[in-house]
Protein backbone atom coordinates (compact mmCIF):
# COMPACT_ATOMS: atom_id res chain seq x y z
CA MET A 1 -144.39 0.33 110.61
CA ALA A 2 -142.28 3.61 110.45
CA GLU A 3 -138.87 1.60 111.84
CA ALA A 4 -140.07 -1.26 109.37
CA GLY A 5 -139.78 1.35 106.44
CA ARG A 6 -136.50 2.62 107.66
CA ILE A 7 -135.19 -0.83 107.66
CA ALA A 8 -136.52 -1.86 104.07
CA GLN A 9 -135.10 1.18 102.64
CA SER A 10 -131.72 0.96 104.39
CA LYS A 11 -131.27 -2.25 102.71
CA GLY A 12 -131.88 -0.79 99.40
CA ALA A 13 -135.41 -1.34 98.64
CA ALA A 14 -136.48 1.05 95.63
CA LEU A 15 -139.94 1.80 97.22
CA VAL A 16 -141.92 0.51 100.23
CA ASP A 17 -145.41 -0.93 99.65
CA ILE A 18 -148.03 -1.40 102.70
CA ASN A 19 -150.35 -4.39 102.13
CA LEU A 20 -153.97 -3.42 102.83
CA GLY A 21 -155.35 -6.41 101.10
CA CYS A 22 -154.33 -9.60 102.29
CA PRO A 23 -157.58 -11.44 103.03
CA VAL A 24 -155.88 -14.64 104.60
CA LYS A 25 -157.65 -15.01 108.21
CA ARG A 26 -154.73 -15.19 110.19
CA VAL A 27 -153.43 -12.11 109.14
CA CYS A 28 -156.76 -10.46 109.38
CA ARG A 29 -157.21 -11.58 113.09
CA ALA A 30 -153.83 -9.92 113.95
CA GLY A 31 -155.56 -6.55 112.72
CA ALA A 32 -153.39 -6.39 109.60
CA GLY A 33 -153.71 -6.77 105.68
CA ALA A 34 -157.34 -5.94 104.87
CA ALA A 35 -158.64 -5.85 108.22
CA LEU A 36 -157.10 -2.25 108.24
CA LEU A 37 -159.48 -1.21 105.61
CA ARG A 38 -162.23 -1.14 108.42
CA GLU A 39 -159.74 0.82 110.44
CA PRO A 40 -159.16 4.40 108.44
CA LYS A 41 -158.19 6.26 111.10
CA ARG A 42 -155.85 3.92 112.19
CA VAL A 43 -154.40 3.77 108.55
CA GLY A 44 -153.70 7.40 108.29
CA ARG A 45 -151.69 7.24 111.60
CA ILE A 46 -149.56 4.46 109.70
CA LEU A 47 -149.25 6.31 106.35
CA ALA A 48 -148.26 9.29 108.26
CA ALA A 49 -145.61 7.54 110.40
CA VAL A 50 -144.17 5.58 107.33
CA ARG A 51 -144.35 8.79 104.96
CA LYS A 52 -141.88 10.71 107.57
CA ALA A 53 -139.76 7.64 108.00
CA VAL A 54 -138.72 6.97 104.16
CA THR A 55 -137.64 9.13 101.17
CA CYS A 56 -137.97 6.40 98.58
CA PRO A 57 -141.69 6.18 97.12
CA LEU A 58 -144.59 5.01 99.45
CA THR A 59 -147.18 3.01 97.95
CA VAL A 60 -150.37 1.14 99.02
CA LYS A 61 -152.15 -1.82 98.04
CA MET A 62 -155.86 -2.55 99.06
CA ARG A 63 -159.09 -4.30 97.92
CA LEU A 64 -162.53 -2.90 97.51
CA GLY A 65 -163.09 -3.20 101.51
CA TRP A 66 -164.14 -5.68 103.81
CA ASP A 67 -167.48 -6.94 102.37
CA ALA A 68 -169.87 -5.63 100.09
CA LYS A 69 -171.59 -3.24 102.60
CA ASP A 70 -168.36 -1.80 103.79
CA LEU A 71 -166.48 -0.88 100.33
CA SER A 72 -163.86 1.77 102.12
CA ALA A 73 -161.68 2.12 98.80
CA LEU A 74 -162.40 5.50 97.92
CA GLN A 75 -161.93 6.59 101.50
CA ILE A 76 -159.02 4.81 102.17
CA SER A 77 -157.02 5.89 98.86
CA ARG A 78 -158.06 9.44 99.97
CA ILE A 79 -156.43 9.15 102.94
CA ALA A 80 -153.28 7.80 101.36
CA GLU A 81 -153.12 10.80 98.81
CA ASP A 82 -153.71 13.21 101.98
CA GLN A 83 -150.80 11.52 103.60
CA GLY A 84 -148.28 11.63 100.68
CA VAL A 85 -148.58 8.27 99.53
CA ASP A 86 -147.03 7.91 95.68
CA ALA A 87 -149.41 5.43 94.14
CA VAL A 88 -152.27 3.08 95.21
CA THR A 89 -152.69 -0.24 94.09
CA LEU A 90 -156.64 -1.53 94.03
CA HIS A 91 -157.53 -5.10 93.48
CA PRO A 92 -161.28 -5.14 92.99
CA ARG A 93 -162.40 -7.59 95.00
CA THR A 94 -163.77 -7.37 98.76
CA ARG A 95 -161.98 -8.98 101.68
CA ALA A 96 -164.93 -11.46 101.79
CA GLN A 97 -164.56 -12.62 98.10
CA GLY A 98 -161.17 -13.89 98.64
CA TYR A 99 -160.17 -14.89 95.22
CA GLN A 100 -163.42 -15.99 94.19
CA GLY A 101 -165.71 -14.45 91.45
CA LYS A 102 -164.64 -11.98 89.23
CA ALA A 103 -162.55 -8.55 90.04
CA ASP A 104 -164.81 -5.55 88.94
CA TRP A 105 -162.10 -3.40 86.92
CA SER A 106 -164.82 -0.45 86.63
CA TRP A 107 -163.94 0.27 90.51
CA VAL A 108 -160.24 0.63 89.26
CA GLY A 109 -161.55 2.88 86.58
CA ARG A 110 -163.60 5.10 89.22
CA LEU A 111 -160.64 5.28 91.76
CA LYS A 112 -158.28 6.99 88.80
CA GLU A 113 -160.96 9.38 88.24
CA ALA A 114 -161.46 10.15 92.12
CA ARG A 115 -157.53 10.68 92.81
CA GLY A 116 -154.73 12.71 91.74
CA ILE A 117 -151.87 10.21 92.22
CA PRO A 118 -151.30 7.17 90.05
CA VAL A 119 -153.80 4.18 90.29
CA ILE A 120 -152.30 0.35 89.57
CA GLY A 121 -154.89 -2.17 88.79
CA ASN A 122 -154.62 -5.58 90.10
CA GLY A 123 -156.70 -8.82 89.91
CA ASP A 124 -157.64 -11.35 87.25
CA LEU A 125 -154.23 -10.39 84.98
CA VAL A 126 -153.64 -13.94 83.96
CA SER A 127 -152.33 -13.43 80.24
CA PRO A 128 -150.16 -10.98 78.54
CA GLN A 129 -153.34 -10.36 76.46
CA GLY A 130 -155.13 -9.52 79.29
CA CYS A 131 -152.48 -7.03 80.65
CA LEU A 132 -152.07 -5.29 77.50
CA GLU A 133 -156.27 -4.91 77.35
CA ALA A 134 -156.25 -3.64 80.84
CA LEU A 135 -153.47 -0.91 79.76
CA ALA A 136 -155.27 -0.40 76.94
CA SER A 137 -158.64 0.57 78.49
CA LYS A 138 -157.29 3.41 80.09
CA SER A 139 -158.64 2.79 83.65
CA CYS A 140 -155.44 2.53 85.31
CA ASP A 141 -151.75 3.94 85.06
CA GLY A 142 -150.35 0.85 85.32
CA ILE A 143 -150.74 -2.97 86.45
CA MET A 144 -149.88 -5.32 88.93
CA ILE A 145 -149.45 -8.90 88.05
CA GLY A 146 -149.80 -11.45 90.82
CA ARG A 147 -150.87 -14.77 91.35
CA ALA A 148 -150.43 -15.32 87.71
CA ALA A 149 -146.52 -15.10 88.03
CA ARG A 150 -146.72 -18.34 90.09
CA GLY A 151 -145.10 -21.12 87.97
CA ASN A 152 -144.98 -18.70 84.96
CA PRO A 153 -142.33 -15.88 85.63
CA TRP A 154 -142.16 -15.34 81.99
CA ILE A 155 -145.65 -13.56 81.91
CA PHE A 156 -143.52 -10.16 82.87
CA SER A 157 -141.16 -10.38 79.71
CA GLN A 158 -144.06 -11.49 77.50
CA THR A 159 -146.03 -8.68 78.43
CA LEU A 160 -143.48 -6.02 77.65
CA ASP A 161 -142.71 -7.95 74.49
CA LEU A 162 -146.21 -7.54 73.85
CA LEU A 163 -146.44 -3.83 74.50
CA SER A 164 -143.49 -3.05 72.45
CA GLY A 165 -145.05 -5.19 69.36
CA LYS A 166 -142.42 -8.08 69.66
CA ASP A 167 -143.34 -11.52 69.02
CA SER A 168 -143.15 -13.50 72.78
CA PRO A 169 -143.06 -17.39 71.93
CA GLU A 170 -143.49 -19.59 74.67
CA PRO A 171 -140.49 -20.73 76.75
CA SER A 172 -138.72 -24.04 75.57
CA ARG A 173 -138.80 -26.81 78.01
CA GLU A 174 -135.00 -26.39 78.41
CA MET A 175 -135.65 -22.81 79.61
CA ARG A 176 -138.21 -24.06 81.92
CA TYR A 177 -136.16 -26.55 83.43
CA ARG A 178 -133.22 -24.07 83.99
CA THR A 179 -135.59 -21.50 85.31
CA ILE A 180 -136.84 -24.18 87.96
CA ARG A 181 -133.42 -25.30 88.72
CA LEU A 182 -132.42 -21.91 89.62
CA HIS A 183 -135.35 -20.94 91.61
CA MET A 184 -134.93 -24.52 93.51
CA ASP A 185 -131.22 -23.50 94.38
CA TRP A 186 -132.26 -19.70 95.23
CA LEU A 187 -134.84 -20.80 97.50
CA CYS A 188 -132.46 -23.62 99.23
CA THR A 189 -129.82 -20.85 99.71
CA GLN A 190 -132.24 -18.56 100.82
CA TYR A 191 -134.15 -20.67 103.46
CA GLY A 192 -132.14 -23.88 104.23
CA LYS A 193 -132.55 -26.79 102.01
CA GLU A 194 -135.44 -28.42 104.07
CA GLN A 195 -137.74 -24.95 103.98
CA GLY A 196 -136.56 -24.33 100.35
CA ILE A 197 -137.66 -27.99 99.35
CA ARG A 198 -141.09 -27.33 101.08
CA ARG A 199 -141.44 -24.05 98.85
CA ILE A 200 -140.33 -25.21 95.34
CA ARG A 201 -142.73 -28.27 95.90
CA PHE A 202 -145.80 -25.89 96.19
CA LEU A 203 -144.59 -23.98 93.06
CA LEU A 204 -143.89 -26.85 90.77
CA PHE A 205 -147.56 -27.73 90.80
CA HIS A 206 -147.91 -24.03 89.37
CA TYR A 207 -144.92 -24.60 86.93
CA GLY A 208 -146.22 -28.04 85.34
CA ARG A 209 -149.78 -26.69 84.73
CA GLY A 210 -151.05 -26.38 81.48
CA LEU A 211 -148.10 -28.43 80.05
CA PRO A 212 -148.43 -32.03 78.44
CA ARG A 213 -148.63 -34.60 80.87
CA ALA A 214 -149.21 -32.30 83.77
CA GLY A 215 -151.32 -34.84 85.49
CA TRP A 216 -148.66 -37.56 85.54
CA PHE A 217 -146.23 -34.70 86.85
CA ARG A 218 -148.34 -33.81 89.89
CA ARG A 219 -149.20 -37.28 90.56
CA GLU A 220 -145.53 -38.19 90.90
CA LEU A 221 -144.80 -34.94 92.81
CA VAL A 222 -146.45 -35.95 95.86
CA SER A 223 -143.89 -38.76 96.81
CA ARG A 224 -141.04 -36.52 96.02
CA HIS A 225 -139.43 -34.90 99.33
CA THR A 226 -135.59 -34.50 98.29
CA GLU A 227 -133.67 -32.22 96.10
CA GLU A 228 -132.24 -35.18 94.20
CA ALA A 229 -135.95 -36.56 93.63
CA LEU A 230 -137.25 -33.62 92.51
CA GLN A 231 -134.24 -32.90 90.20
CA GLY A 232 -135.00 -36.38 88.65
CA LEU A 233 -138.35 -35.80 88.28
CA LEU A 234 -137.88 -32.38 86.51
CA ARG A 235 -135.73 -33.95 84.19
CA ALA A 236 -138.23 -36.83 82.97
CA PHE A 237 -140.84 -34.07 82.69
CA LEU A 238 -139.10 -31.46 80.55
CA LEU A 239 -135.87 -32.92 78.84
CA GLU A 240 -136.60 -36.55 78.65
CA GLY A 241 -140.03 -36.42 76.78
CA PRO A 242 -141.17 -36.23 73.02
CA THR A 243 -138.31 -33.44 72.68
CA GLY A 244 -135.82 -34.63 74.69
CA SER A 245 -133.18 -37.50 74.55
CA GLY A 246 -135.05 -40.24 76.26
CA ALA A 247 -138.82 -41.40 76.80
CA LEU A 248 -141.50 -40.88 79.71
CA PRO A 249 -142.85 -44.26 81.00
CA ASP A 250 -145.63 -45.93 79.10
CA GLY A 251 -149.20 -44.40 79.57
CA VAL A 252 -148.23 -41.31 81.01
């Protein structure tokens, strides 16, 4: 972990964040992610080693604990503070909850009162207004937006606009199209065309959520597996509808 931190910093990382919150089974079976919440001594050794290895800010993201009977957030955050961690992020669900139920933000406030380092709140922040309300509650020093950004990268700029008192309209169809194309091109460059297309197909389900004809888009997406086919579908969905130059198929 110390070597990983050194590599990340040498590549230009602005900070190193250690994930103690991932609930995925294969991650936890390997002793990583949220499984570390059950091993506070090991967490202490990891944080001490990484702290010595990097000079950039070091942060920790975690959950409340393994399950309702094993809530270790206060203990783990104390260890993090003792080892020189600069901030902690809390997703106030247990590992057992996964993403079910509602995040208990009262725990974010409890953590902030108990610790002398910044506490960042995460979980159920799905809209700019919700982000503003979380910050206004004074229960945290900052917020982290997670799954809500899938298919909606504008949530960051919209939240910042709201915080500064500016109007922040929804992105136009043309802006959505350009953003998705840039995202697709970047993924194909980063991972190769085959892996890039697999990744963007998953994200396209999120990009289409809540838009007119989203059901038609999802059904069509299932059978589109090439970059060209996906580009054509995007044009039909976003550019050739009622506000574009063409028309979508009848009945969609």
